[in-house]
Amino acid sequence: MIRLKKRSAVDEFALDHLSGMDTGGLISRRELLRRSTAFGAAATLGTFTGVLRAGAQTAGGKVTVGLDSGAYTPILQVFAPEFREATGLEVEFVSYPLGNMYDQNLLALRQGEARFDAFDFWPNFTGDFGPFLTPLEEVGTLADLGFDDIAKPFQLLNRYENKLVGVMIDGDMFVNTIRSDLFESGSEMEAFKAKYGYDLAAPTNWQQYRNSAEFFTRPDQNLYGAVEVTNFFVYAFFINQLVQLGAEKGVRYGDLFDEQMKPKLLNEIGIEALNRYREVTAFMPQDLAASMPWDVGRQIFFEGRVAQANWWTDMPKGAADPSISQVAKKIKVAKSWGDVTVLPYGRAMGIASNSQNKEGAFRAIAWLQQSAQANRWVAETFAQSLMDPWRMSMFNDPASTFPLQSESGFADNFAEVSKAALSNPKAYLDISIPGTNRYLGAIIQHTQRAVTGQATAEEALGAMEAEWEETTETFGRDRQIGHYQEYVQRMVAEGYWS
């Protein structure tokens, strides 16, 4: 009779773990168990746990982060060695052209092998990218991302089928950057009141915005009253007009479709909004007004050629930087001229569902969200970073967020206006349903036609509606109704659109 040696509790524990271990193809399970018999289960578990951990770090320890090319990429290269030191993971930042963000990323997401583990995207692409993104709470927790610190409107973005698939890394909203040397000049104030019958100040409604833009338009002095984008990002500025006018009229502003996904553009509000937008172009440099690029528009403001810019928050950040702006000490930030806080564009970061290192990707995103890294990203000079604040801690500590502009008082001014805008009970967030890129593409094309006089407002809006209907049919009307209603309910549930 052969007496079997009784295993110790340690060996029993080790054997249980060995029997269920994923060897990652390094060794067969049969060979693993054979070795546990020969050398002892505890010793074998200790040896192969170390081998597998090292193998996993070699094969999947590197995290590839994709970002659209821009002035902020250099600072991320600085972050790479710091991230490695903090986490033990290698990170490589790879850039792609801003204009190719949609096509390149969608193609990469649909491939079997991920091009990026984590990557940035515009929130309005969430409807198209969503099926190929990893819900963040499947990999980590919202607490790891410091999600509660993110400004409320930005928390509502990047949701696909009610799952969070991205988190903001850049907080864009429209504010008005005004030239204080012009708006607070005694002679200008006197002349303005004589002409319009009320005091000159940062505009709070359309008529005031239009009048101040007209008043400061002086081509003979190379000075203009406004600057807005009229080419690629034209959709954001037209939507701003549409949303603000809807709020003026007391309708549910920003509701672009009815319950059956029929477009709500070719109507009195749409026509007036497009005509207002076209009117603004009369107060811009005429050689650029028909096709004003976003970077050129920003540059002419920095050169002192524009009195005010109702624009994303990167405008005042750059205008306050004396290394690139001639008006650095002559600006203030004011709320956008309408009742609604409009939050177009911005950037989010998500994890590709075909990534082989989702845990590493989540750690990279979480690390970038930590206050020290996030604040540095925003606080660097304009040439190094285009990122705008998105976390409340950034606005609550403006001297840290804008150290270069803290002494001038600009940092406090920017933070005060931004916090008021973010807490506004009226806010508009871009749609993010399947096909949004195509819907917005129709706005871009036909708004440009109206601006250049190739189409009337009615013709341009009619063409937009026809293309929107085509897009809805392409993606499936019932499917689109479901996605759009989820978006509507999200806005209403948070108290917006009332």
Protein backbone atom coordinates (compact mmCIF):
# COMPACT_ATOMS: atom_id res chain seq x y z
CA MET A 1 0.00 0.00 0.00
CA ILE A 2 1.38 3.34 -1.04
CA ARG A 3 0.75 6.17 1.36
CA LEU A 4 0.20 9.56 -0.38
CA LYS A 5 1.87 12.51 1.19
CA LYS A 6 -0.71 15.00 2.52
CA ARG A 7 -0.36 18.43 0.86
CA SER A 8 0.11 21.46 3.06
CA ALA A 9 -2.45 24.25 3.08
CA VAL A 10 0.05 26.44 1.22
CA ASP A 11 0.42 23.83 -1.54
CA GLU A 12 -3.34 23.35 -1.75
CA PHE A 13 -3.79 27.13 -2.19
CA ALA A 14 -1.05 27.26 -4.82
CA LEU A 15 -2.44 24.29 -6.74
CA ASP A 16 -5.89 25.86 -6.88
CA HIS A 17 -4.39 29.01 -8.40
CA LEU A 18 -2.18 27.11 -10.82
CA SER A 19 -5.11 25.09 -12.13
CA GLY A 20 -6.93 28.28 -13.14
CA MET A 21 -3.94 30.34 -14.26
CA ASP A 22 -3.95 31.95 -17.69
CA THR A 23 -0.48 31.13 -18.95
CA GLY A 24 -0.69 33.48 -21.91
CA GLY A 25 0.72 30.71 -24.15
CA LEU A 26 4.06 30.68 -22.36
CA ILE A 27 3.52 27.13 -21.04
CA SER A 28 0.76 24.53 -21.32
CA ARG A 29 -1.42 23.97 -18.29
CA ARG A 30 -0.44 20.25 -18.30
CA GLU A 31 3.24 21.16 -18.10
CA LEU A 32 2.52 23.70 -15.37
CA LEU A 33 0.77 21.07 -13.23
CA ARG A 34 3.51 18.48 -13.95
CA ARG A 35 6.09 20.92 -12.65
CA SER A 36 4.01 21.62 -9.58
CA THR A 37 4.14 17.90 -8.76
CA ALA A 38 7.88 17.70 -9.36
CA PHE A 39 8.99 20.91 -7.70
CA GLY A 40 6.13 21.76 -5.36
CA ALA A 41 3.01 23.79 -6.08
CA ALA A 42 4.03 26.81 -3.98
CA ALA A 43 7.47 27.08 -5.59
CA THR A 44 5.99 26.69 -9.08
CA LEU A 45 3.32 29.32 -8.43
CA GLY A 46 5.92 31.80 -7.22
CA THR A 47 8.17 31.19 -10.21
CA PHE A 48 5.53 31.36 -12.95
CA THR A 49 3.58 34.23 -11.44
CA GLY A 50 6.77 36.27 -11.76
CA VAL A 51 7.42 35.01 -15.30
CA LEU A 52 3.88 35.78 -16.44
CA ARG A 53 3.89 39.22 -14.83
CA ALA A 54 7.14 40.08 -16.60
CA GLY A 55 5.81 38.68 -19.87
CA ALA A 56 2.65 40.75 -19.58
CA GLN A 57 4.65 43.92 -18.94
CA THR A 58 6.89 43.26 -21.93
CA ALA A 59 4.05 42.46 -24.32
CA GLY A 60 1.35 44.80 -23.08
CA GLY A 61 3.09 47.22 -20.74
CA LYS A 62 3.50 49.89 -23.37
CA VAL A 63 0.59 52.27 -23.87
CA THR A 64 0.14 54.05 -27.19
CA VAL A 65 -1.81 57.29 -26.90
CA GLY A 66 -3.07 58.98 -30.07
CA LEU A 67 -3.62 62.75 -30.14
CA ASP A 68 -4.53 65.15 -32.90
CA SER A 69 -1.49 67.15 -33.90
CA GLY A 70 -1.30 70.56 -32.33
CA ALA A 71 0.79 72.82 -30.19
CA TYR A 72 0.10 70.78 -27.06
CA THR A 73 1.90 67.61 -28.16
CA PRO A 74 5.39 68.78 -27.05
CA ILE A 75 4.35 68.95 -23.41
CA LEU A 76 3.00 65.41 -23.59
CA GLN A 77 6.41 64.22 -24.70
CA VAL A 78 7.68 65.70 -21.44
CA PHE A 79 5.02 63.73 -19.58
CA ALA A 80 6.16 60.38 -21.01
CA PRO A 81 9.18 59.76 -18.74
CA GLU A 82 7.24 61.04 -15.73
CA PHE A 83 4.41 58.62 -16.44
CA ARG A 84 6.88 55.76 -16.74
CA GLU A 85 8.46 56.67 -13.42
CA ALA A 86 5.07 56.95 -11.71
CA THR A 87 3.50 53.78 -13.10
CA GLY A 88 6.23 51.59 -14.50
CA LEU A 89 4.51 51.73 -17.90
CA GLU A 90 5.95 53.05 -21.13
CA VAL A 91 3.77 55.52 -23.00
CA GLU A 92 4.19 56.67 -26.57
CA PHE A 93 2.32 59.72 -27.82
CA VAL A 94 1.50 59.50 -31.52
CA SER A 95 -0.10 62.40 -33.41
CA TYR A 96 -2.44 62.53 -36.40
CA PRO A 97 -3.71 65.55 -38.37
CA LEU A 98 -6.54 67.50 -36.78
CA GLY A 99 -8.67 67.34 -39.91
CA ASN A 100 -8.25 63.56 -40.20
CA MET A 101 -9.26 62.78 -36.62
CA TYR A 102 -12.60 61.25 -37.62
CA ASP A 103 -11.54 59.13 -40.58
CA GLN A 104 -8.25 57.88 -39.16
CA ASN A 105 -9.64 56.94 -35.78
CA LEU A 106 -12.80 55.29 -37.08
CA LEU A 107 -10.72 53.17 -39.45
CA ALA A 108 -8.32 52.22 -36.66
CA LEU A 109 -11.20 51.29 -34.34
CA ARG A 110 -12.71 48.98 -36.94
CA GLN A 111 -9.49 47.06 -37.50
CA GLY A 112 -8.63 43.91 -35.61
CA GLU A 113 -5.43 45.36 -34.20
CA ALA A 114 -5.59 48.65 -32.31
CA ARG A 115 -3.51 51.52 -33.61
CA PHE A 116 -3.90 53.32 -30.27
CA ASP A 117 -4.79 52.05 -26.81
CA ALA A 118 -6.14 55.44 -25.78
CA PHE A 119 -6.83 58.37 -28.09
CA ASP A 120 -8.51 61.76 -28.16
CA PHE A 121 -11.64 62.63 -30.09
CA TRP A 122 -14.30 65.31 -30.28
CA PRO A 123 -17.36 64.49 -28.16
CA ASN A 124 -19.70 64.84 -31.13
CA PHE A 125 -18.03 61.76 -32.63
CA THR A 126 -19.18 59.59 -29.72
CA GLY A 127 -22.19 58.30 -31.62
CA ASP A 128 -19.95 56.88 -34.35
CA PHE A 129 -17.04 55.81 -32.15
CA GLY A 130 -19.17 54.47 -29.29
CA PRO A 131 -19.58 50.88 -30.54
CA PHE A 132 -15.78 50.60 -30.76
CA LEU A 133 -14.94 52.20 -27.40
CA THR A 134 -14.54 50.53 -24.01
CA PRO A 135 -16.94 51.76 -21.30
CA LEU A 136 -14.52 53.31 -18.82
CA GLU A 137 -16.22 51.82 -15.77
CA GLU A 138 -15.46 48.35 -17.10
CA VAL A 139 -11.75 49.06 -16.64
CA GLY A 140 -11.58 51.40 -13.65
CA THR A 141 -13.67 53.67 -11.46
CA LEU A 142 -14.88 57.21 -11.90
CA ALA A 143 -13.11 58.05 -8.65
CA ASP A 144 -9.82 57.07 -10.30
CA LEU A 145 -10.57 59.72 -12.94
CA GLY A 146 -11.49 62.36 -10.38
CA PHE A 147 -14.78 62.56 -12.25
CA ASP A 148 -16.60 64.59 -9.60
CA ASP A 149 -14.14 67.44 -10.16
CA ILE A 150 -15.04 67.72 -13.85
CA ALA A 151 -17.44 70.59 -14.55
CA LYS A 152 -21.02 69.36 -14.69
CA PRO A 153 -21.75 70.06 -18.38
CA PHE A 154 -18.59 68.21 -19.41
CA GLN A 155 -19.66 65.20 -17.34
CA LEU A 156 -22.69 64.78 -19.61
CA LEU A 157 -20.66 64.29 -22.77
CA ASN A 158 -19.12 61.14 -24.24
CA ARG A 159 -21.96 58.74 -23.41
CA TYR A 160 -22.99 55.98 -25.77
CA GLU A 161 -26.11 53.99 -24.92
CA ASN A 162 -25.93 55.49 -21.43
CA LYS A 163 -22.38 54.26 -20.86
CA LEU A 164 -19.44 56.61 -20.34
CA VAL A 165 -16.93 55.87 -23.11
CA GLY A 166 -14.78 58.99 -22.84
CA VAL A 167 -13.70 61.66 -20.42
CA MET A 168 -12.91 65.30 -21.22
CA ILE A 169 -9.32 66.51 -21.45
CA ASP A 170 -10.09 69.96 -22.91
CA GLY A 171 -13.01 72.18 -21.94
CA ASP A 172 -14.25 74.44 -24.71
CA MET A 173 -17.13 76.87 -24.42
CA PHE A 174 -18.00 80.18 -26.04
CA VAL A 175 -17.06 83.35 -24.16
CA ASN A 176 -16.56 86.89 -25.39
CA THR A 177 -13.01 88.27 -25.32
CA ILE A 178 -13.19 92.06 -25.47
CA ARG A 179 -10.58 94.77 -25.89
CA SER A 180 -10.82 96.68 -22.61
CA ASP A 181 -8.80 99.56 -24.07
CA LEU A 182 -11.64 100.09 -26.55
CA PHE A 183 -14.74 99.14 -24.56
CA GLU A 184 -13.61 101.18 -21.53
CA SER A 185 -12.31 104.22 -23.42
CA GLY A 186 -14.11 107.41 -22.42
CA SER A 187 -14.23 108.79 -25.95
CA GLU A 188 -15.46 105.49 -27.40
CA MET A 189 -18.15 105.22 -24.73
CA GLU A 190 -19.35 108.74 -25.43
CA ALA A 191 -19.48 108.19 -29.20
CA PHE A 192 -21.25 104.85 -28.82
CA LYS A 193 -23.97 106.24 -26.56
CA ALA A 194 -24.53 109.14 -28.93
CA LYS A 195 -25.09 106.73 -31.79
CA TYR A 196 -27.04 103.88 -30.15
CA GLY A 197 -28.61 105.50 -27.10
CA TYR A 198 -27.25 103.20 -24.41
CA ASP A 199 -23.93 102.63 -22.63
CA LEU A 200 -21.11 100.72 -24.29
CA ALA A 201 -20.32 97.48 -22.44
CA ALA A 202 -19.68 93.83 -23.12
CA PRO A 203 -22.82 92.75 -25.04
CA THR A 204 -25.42 90.59 -23.32
CA ASN A 205 -27.79 90.05 -26.25
CA TRP A 206 -27.74 89.86 -30.04
CA GLN A 207 -28.60 93.49 -30.71
CA GLN A 208 -25.82 94.73 -28.43
CA TYR A 209 -23.36 92.30 -30.03
CA ARG A 210 -24.36 93.41 -33.50
CA ASN A 211 -24.20 97.13 -32.62
CA SER A 212 -20.79 96.96 -30.94
CA ALA A 213 -19.45 94.94 -33.88
CA GLU A 214 -20.71 97.58 -36.29
CA PHE A 215 -19.41 100.45 -34.15
CA PHE A 216 -15.83 99.19 -34.02
CA THR A 217 -15.63 98.24 -37.71
CA ARG A 218 -13.24 100.80 -39.18
CA PRO A 219 -11.44 99.40 -42.22
CA ASP A 220 -9.51 102.65 -42.70
CA GLN A 221 -7.95 102.03 -39.25
CA ASN A 222 -7.52 98.28 -39.85
CA LEU A 223 -9.93 97.63 -36.98
CA TYR A 224 -12.96 95.33 -37.07
CA GLY A 225 -15.80 94.69 -34.67
CA ALA A 226 -15.94 90.91 -34.65
CA VAL A 227 -14.31 87.70 -35.80
CA GLU A 228 -16.02 84.35 -36.26
CA VAL A 229 -15.03 81.23 -38.15
CA THR A 230 -16.63 80.81 -41.58
CA ASN A 231 -14.99 77.65 -42.87
CA PHE A 232 -14.35 74.25 -41.21
CA PHE A 233 -15.72 75.06 -37.74
CA VAL A 234 -18.50 77.23 -39.10
CA TYR A 235 -21.08 74.78 -37.72
CA ALA A 236 -20.29 75.85 -34.13
CA PHE A 237 -20.91 79.52 -34.85
CA PHE A 238 -24.14 78.89 -36.77
CA ILE A 239 -25.36 76.57 -33.99
CA ASN A 240 -24.56 79.34 -31.49
CA GLN A 241 -26.84 81.73 -33.38
CA LEU A 242 -29.56 79.07 -33.68
CA VAL A 243 -29.44 78.15 -30.00
CA GLN A 244 -29.36 81.73 -28.71
CA LEU A 245 -32.27 82.76 -30.93
CA GLY A 246 -34.29 79.73 -29.80
CA ALA A 247 -33.76 80.78 -26.18
CA GLU A 248 -34.86 84.33 -27.06
CA LYS A 249 -38.05 82.96 -28.60
CA GLY A 250 -38.79 80.76 -25.60
CA VAL A 251 -38.64 77.45 -27.45
CA ARG A 252 -36.60 74.40 -26.45
CA TYR A 253 -33.34 75.80 -27.76
CA GLY A 254 -31.01 73.45 -29.60
CA ASP A 255 -33.65 70.82 -30.36
CA LEU A 256 -32.59 70.04 -33.93
CA PHE A 257 -35.06 67.23 -34.74
CA ASP A 258 -38.67 66.42 -33.94
CA GLU A 259 -39.80 63.11 -32.44
CA GLN A 260 -39.58 61.38 -35.82
CA MET A 261 -36.11 62.77 -36.57
CA LYS A 262 -37.44 65.32 -39.04
CA PRO A 263 -35.04 68.31 -39.14
CA LYS A 264 -36.13 71.57 -37.53
CA LEU A 265 -33.99 74.01 -39.50
CA LEU A 266 -36.05 75.49 -42.32
CA ASN A 267 -38.29 77.70 -40.21
CA GLU A 268 -38.41 81.30 -38.96
CA ILE A 269 -35.79 80.71 -36.29
CA GLY A 270 -33.39 78.92 -38.65
CA ILE A 271 -33.71 81.59 -41.33
CA GLU A 272 -33.20 84.47 -38.92
CA ALA A 273 -30.25 82.71 -37.24
CA LEU A 274 -28.48 82.15 -40.56
CA ASN A 275 -29.13 85.73 -41.64
CA ARG A 276 -27.73 86.99 -38.33
CA TYR A 277 -24.65 84.89 -38.83
CA ARG A 278 -24.17 86.24 -42.33
CA GLU A 279 -24.63 89.79 -41.01
CA VAL A 280 -21.72 89.36 -38.59
CA THR A 281 -19.36 88.72 -41.50
CA ALA A 282 -19.87 92.35 -42.61
CA PHE A 283 -17.93 93.40 -39.51
CA MET A 284 -14.89 91.26 -40.28
CA PRO A 285 -11.94 91.85 -42.66
CA GLN A 286 -13.60 91.40 -46.03
CA ASP A 287 -10.69 89.60 -47.63
CA LEU A 288 -11.10 86.86 -45.00
CA ALA A 289 -14.79 87.00 -44.12
CA ALA A 290 -15.94 84.49 -46.73
CA SER A 291 -13.62 81.78 -45.44
CA MET A 292 -12.15 82.72 -42.06
CA PRO A 293 -10.02 79.87 -40.66
CA TRP A 294 -9.94 79.37 -36.90
CA ASP A 295 -6.19 79.90 -36.60
CA VAL A 296 -6.21 83.06 -38.76
CA GLY A 297 -9.14 84.49 -36.82
CA ARG A 298 -7.23 84.02 -33.62
CA GLN A 299 -4.09 85.57 -35.08
CA ILE A 300 -5.75 88.77 -36.27
CA PHE A 301 -7.18 89.26 -32.78
CA PHE A 302 -3.71 88.83 -31.30
CA GLU A 303 -2.48 91.48 -33.76
CA GLY A 304 -4.94 94.03 -32.40
CA ARG A 305 -7.18 94.14 -35.48
CA VAL A 306 -10.40 93.05 -33.75
CA ALA A 307 -12.40 94.64 -30.92
CA GLN A 308 -14.13 91.50 -29.65
CA ALA A 309 -14.23 87.77 -30.30
CA ASN A 310 -17.16 85.57 -29.33
CA TRP A 311 -15.05 82.44 -29.47
CA TRP A 312 -13.80 79.35 -27.71
CA THR A 313 -11.85 79.81 -24.49
CA ASP A 314 -8.51 79.37 -26.23
CA MET A 315 -8.90 82.91 -27.60
CA PRO A 316 -8.46 84.74 -24.28
CA LYS A 317 -5.79 82.27 -23.18
CA GLY A 318 -3.67 83.16 -26.20
CA ALA A 319 -4.58 86.85 -26.21
CA ALA A 320 -3.36 87.14 -22.61
CA ASP A 321 0.05 85.67 -23.47
CA PRO A 322 2.44 88.61 -24.10
CA SER A 323 4.88 86.38 -25.97
CA ILE A 324 2.45 86.06 -28.89
CA SER A 325 -0.19 88.77 -28.39
CA GLN A 326 0.04 92.51 -28.93
CA VAL A 327 -3.08 93.07 -26.81
CA ALA A 328 -2.05 90.96 -23.81
CA LYS A 329 -2.70 93.71 -21.26
CA LYS A 330 -5.76 95.11 -23.02
CA ILE A 331 -8.33 92.32 -22.79
CA LYS A 332 -11.06 91.03 -20.52
CA VAL A 333 -13.32 88.02 -20.67
CA ALA A 334 -17.11 88.40 -20.56
CA LYS A 335 -19.95 85.93 -20.89
CA SER A 336 -21.13 85.06 -24.37
CA TRP A 337 -23.70 87.55 -25.63
CA GLY A 338 -26.65 85.12 -25.48
CA ASP A 339 -28.55 83.52 -22.59
CA VAL A 340 -27.18 80.04 -23.28
CA THR A 341 -23.74 78.64 -22.49
CA VAL A 342 -22.71 76.87 -25.70
CA LEU A 343 -20.12 74.13 -25.35
CA PRO A 344 -19.07 73.06 -28.83
CA TYR A 345 -16.03 71.01 -29.73
CA GLY A 346 -13.62 70.19 -26.88
CA ARG A 347 -11.64 66.98 -26.65
CA ALA A 348 -12.22 63.72 -24.84
CA MET A 349 -10.09 60.65 -24.38
CA GLY A 350 -11.28 57.07 -24.59
CA ILE A 351 -10.00 53.50 -24.82
CA ALA A 352 -10.21 51.49 -28.03
CA SER A 353 -12.20 48.27 -27.62
CA ASN A 354 -9.55 46.49 -29.71
CA SER A 355 -6.74 47.62 -27.39
CA GLN A 356 -4.61 44.85 -25.92
CA ASN A 357 -3.73 47.01 -22.92
CA LYS A 358 -6.94 48.56 -21.65
CA GLU A 359 -5.74 48.65 -18.06
CA GLY A 360 -2.60 50.53 -19.10
CA ALA A 361 -4.69 52.89 -21.23
CA PHE A 362 -6.99 53.62 -18.30
CA ARG A 363 -4.00 54.31 -16.06
CA ALA A 364 -2.64 56.76 -18.64
CA ILE A 365 -5.97 58.61 -18.81
CA ALA A 366 -6.36 58.63 -15.03
CA TRP A 367 -2.81 59.93 -14.59
CA LEU A 368 -3.45 62.79 -17.03
CA GLN A 369 -6.62 63.66 -15.09
CA GLN A 370 -4.77 64.08 -11.80
CA SER A 371 -4.70 67.71 -10.78
CA ALA A 372 -0.94 68.21 -11.00
CA GLN A 373 -0.71 66.87 -14.56
CA ALA A 374 -4.01 68.39 -15.71
CA ASN A 375 -3.12 71.84 -14.43
CA ARG A 376 0.30 71.76 -16.04
CA TRP A 377 -1.29 70.82 -19.33
CA VAL A 378 -3.47 73.93 -19.23
CA ALA A 379 -0.99 76.25 -17.52
CA GLU A 380 1.82 76.01 -20.04
CA THR A 381 2.36 78.80 -22.52
CA PHE A 382 0.06 79.04 -25.50
CA ALA A 383 2.79 77.79 -27.81
CA GLN A 384 3.09 74.59 -25.74
CA SER A 385 -0.54 73.84 -24.96
CA LEU A 386 -3.91 74.64 -26.49
CA MET A 387 -5.84 72.89 -23.73
CA ASP A 388 -8.60 74.76 -21.92
CA PRO A 389 -9.71 74.08 -18.33
CA TRP A 390 -12.34 71.39 -17.79
CA ARG A 391 -12.01 70.61 -14.07
CA MET A 392 -13.54 72.83 -11.38
CA SER A 393 -10.30 72.78 -9.38
CA MET A 394 -8.69 74.58 -12.32
CA PHE A 395 -11.19 77.44 -12.05
CA ASN A 396 -11.05 77.45 -8.25
CA ASP A 397 -7.28 77.96 -8.30
CA PRO A 398 -6.78 80.32 -11.29
CA ALA A 399 -3.27 81.37 -10.23
CA SER A 400 -2.18 77.76 -10.66
CA THR A 401 -4.06 77.28 -13.91
CA PHE A 402 -2.85 80.54 -15.47
CA PRO A 403 0.39 81.40 -13.68
CA LEU A 404 1.60 83.61 -16.52
CA GLN A 405 -1.48 85.83 -16.25
CA SER A 406 -2.17 85.78 -12.52
CA GLU A 407 -0.56 89.13 -11.66
CA SER A 408 -2.52 91.03 -14.31
CA GLY A 409 -5.84 89.88 -12.88
CA PHE A 410 -6.73 88.02 -16.08
CA ALA A 411 -6.66 84.61 -14.37
CA ASP A 412 -9.29 85.64 -11.82
CA ASN A 413 -11.42 87.31 -14.51
CA PHE A 414 -11.31 84.22 -16.71
CA ALA A 415 -12.15 81.88 -13.82
CA GLU A 416 -15.06 84.01 -12.60
CA VAL A 417 -16.68 84.23 -16.03
CA SER A 418 -16.08 80.54 -16.76
CA LYS A 419 -17.60 79.32 -13.49
CA ALA A 420 -20.69 81.45 -14.07
CA ALA A 421 -21.04 80.05 -17.59
CA LEU A 422 -20.63 76.46 -16.42
CA SER A 423 -23.28 76.87 -13.72
CA ASN A 424 -25.70 78.54 -16.13
CA PRO A 425 -29.10 76.76 -15.98
CA LYS A 426 -29.21 77.09 -19.76
CA ALA A 427 -26.53 75.13 -21.62
CA TYR A 428 -26.19 73.49 -25.02
CA LEU A 429 -23.99 70.48 -25.69
CA ASP A 430 -23.30 69.22 -29.20
CA ILE A 431 -25.30 66.25 -30.41
CA SER A 432 -23.34 63.01 -30.39
CA ILE A 433 -25.48 60.47 -32.22
CA PRO A 434 -24.46 58.14 -35.05
CA GLY A 435 -23.85 60.18 -38.20
CA THR A 436 -23.18 63.45 -36.36
CA ASN A 437 -20.13 64.04 -38.55
CA ARG A 438 -22.38 63.95 -41.61
CA TYR A 439 -25.06 66.16 -40.06
CA LEU A 440 -22.46 68.76 -39.13
CA GLY A 441 -20.80 68.43 -42.53
CA ALA A 442 -24.04 69.55 -44.16
CA ILE A 443 -24.12 72.62 -41.89
CA ILE A 444 -20.54 73.47 -42.82
CA GLN A 445 -21.11 73.19 -46.56
CA HIS A 446 -24.38 75.08 -46.82
CA THR A 447 -23.69 77.78 -44.24
CA GLN A 448 -20.62 78.64 -46.29
CA ARG A 449 -22.81 78.88 -49.39
CA ALA A 450 -25.07 81.34 -47.59
CA VAL A 451 -22.15 83.40 -46.28
CA THR A 452 -20.64 83.75 -49.75
CA GLY A 453 -23.97 84.60 -51.39
CA GLN A 454 -24.21 81.38 -53.38
CA ALA A 455 -27.51 80.55 -51.68
CA THR A 456 -30.23 82.33 -49.73
CA ALA A 457 -30.82 81.32 -46.14
CA GLU A 458 -33.92 79.38 -47.23
CA GLU A 459 -32.01 77.52 -49.95
CA ALA A 460 -29.10 76.69 -47.64
CA LEU A 461 -31.36 75.43 -44.85
CA GLY A 462 -33.45 73.41 -47.30
CA ALA A 463 -30.30 71.72 -48.60
CA MET A 464 -29.18 70.98 -45.01
CA GLU A 465 -32.54 69.38 -44.23
CA ALA A 466 -32.43 67.23 -47.37
CA GLU A 467 -28.97 65.92 -46.48
CA TRP A 468 -29.99 65.37 -42.86
CA GLU A 469 -32.92 63.25 -44.02
CA GLU A 470 -30.58 61.23 -46.22
CA THR A 471 -28.20 60.66 -43.29
CA THR A 472 -31.06 59.60 -41.02
CA GLU A 473 -32.28 57.07 -43.57
CA THR A 474 -28.75 55.77 -44.09
CA PHE A 475 -28.27 55.07 -40.38
CA GLY A 476 -31.87 53.91 -39.86
CA ARG A 477 -34.63 56.21 -38.66
CA ASP A 478 -35.71 54.05 -35.72
CA ARG A 479 -32.13 53.69 -34.55
CA GLN A 480 -31.55 57.44 -34.84
CA ILE A 481 -34.76 58.24 -32.98
CA GLY A 482 -33.57 56.08 -30.09
CA HIS A 483 -30.14 57.72 -29.92
CA TYR A 484 -31.49 61.24 -30.25
CA GLN A 485 -34.14 60.71 -27.58
CA GLU A 486 -31.45 59.45 -25.19
CA TYR A 487 -29.55 62.69 -25.86
CA VAL A 488 -32.68 64.80 -25.34
CA GLN A 489 -33.56 63.02 -22.10
CA ARG A 490 -30.01 63.52 -20.81
CA MET A 491 -30.30 67.28 -21.36
CA VAL A 492 -33.78 67.54 -19.84
CA ALA A 493 -32.93 65.36 -16.84
CA GLU A 494 -30.10 67.72 -15.94
CA GLY A 495 -32.40 70.74 -16.04
CA TYR A 496 -31.31 72.07 -19.43
CA TRP A 497 -33.58 72.86 -22.38
CA SER A 498 -36.36 74.15 -20.12
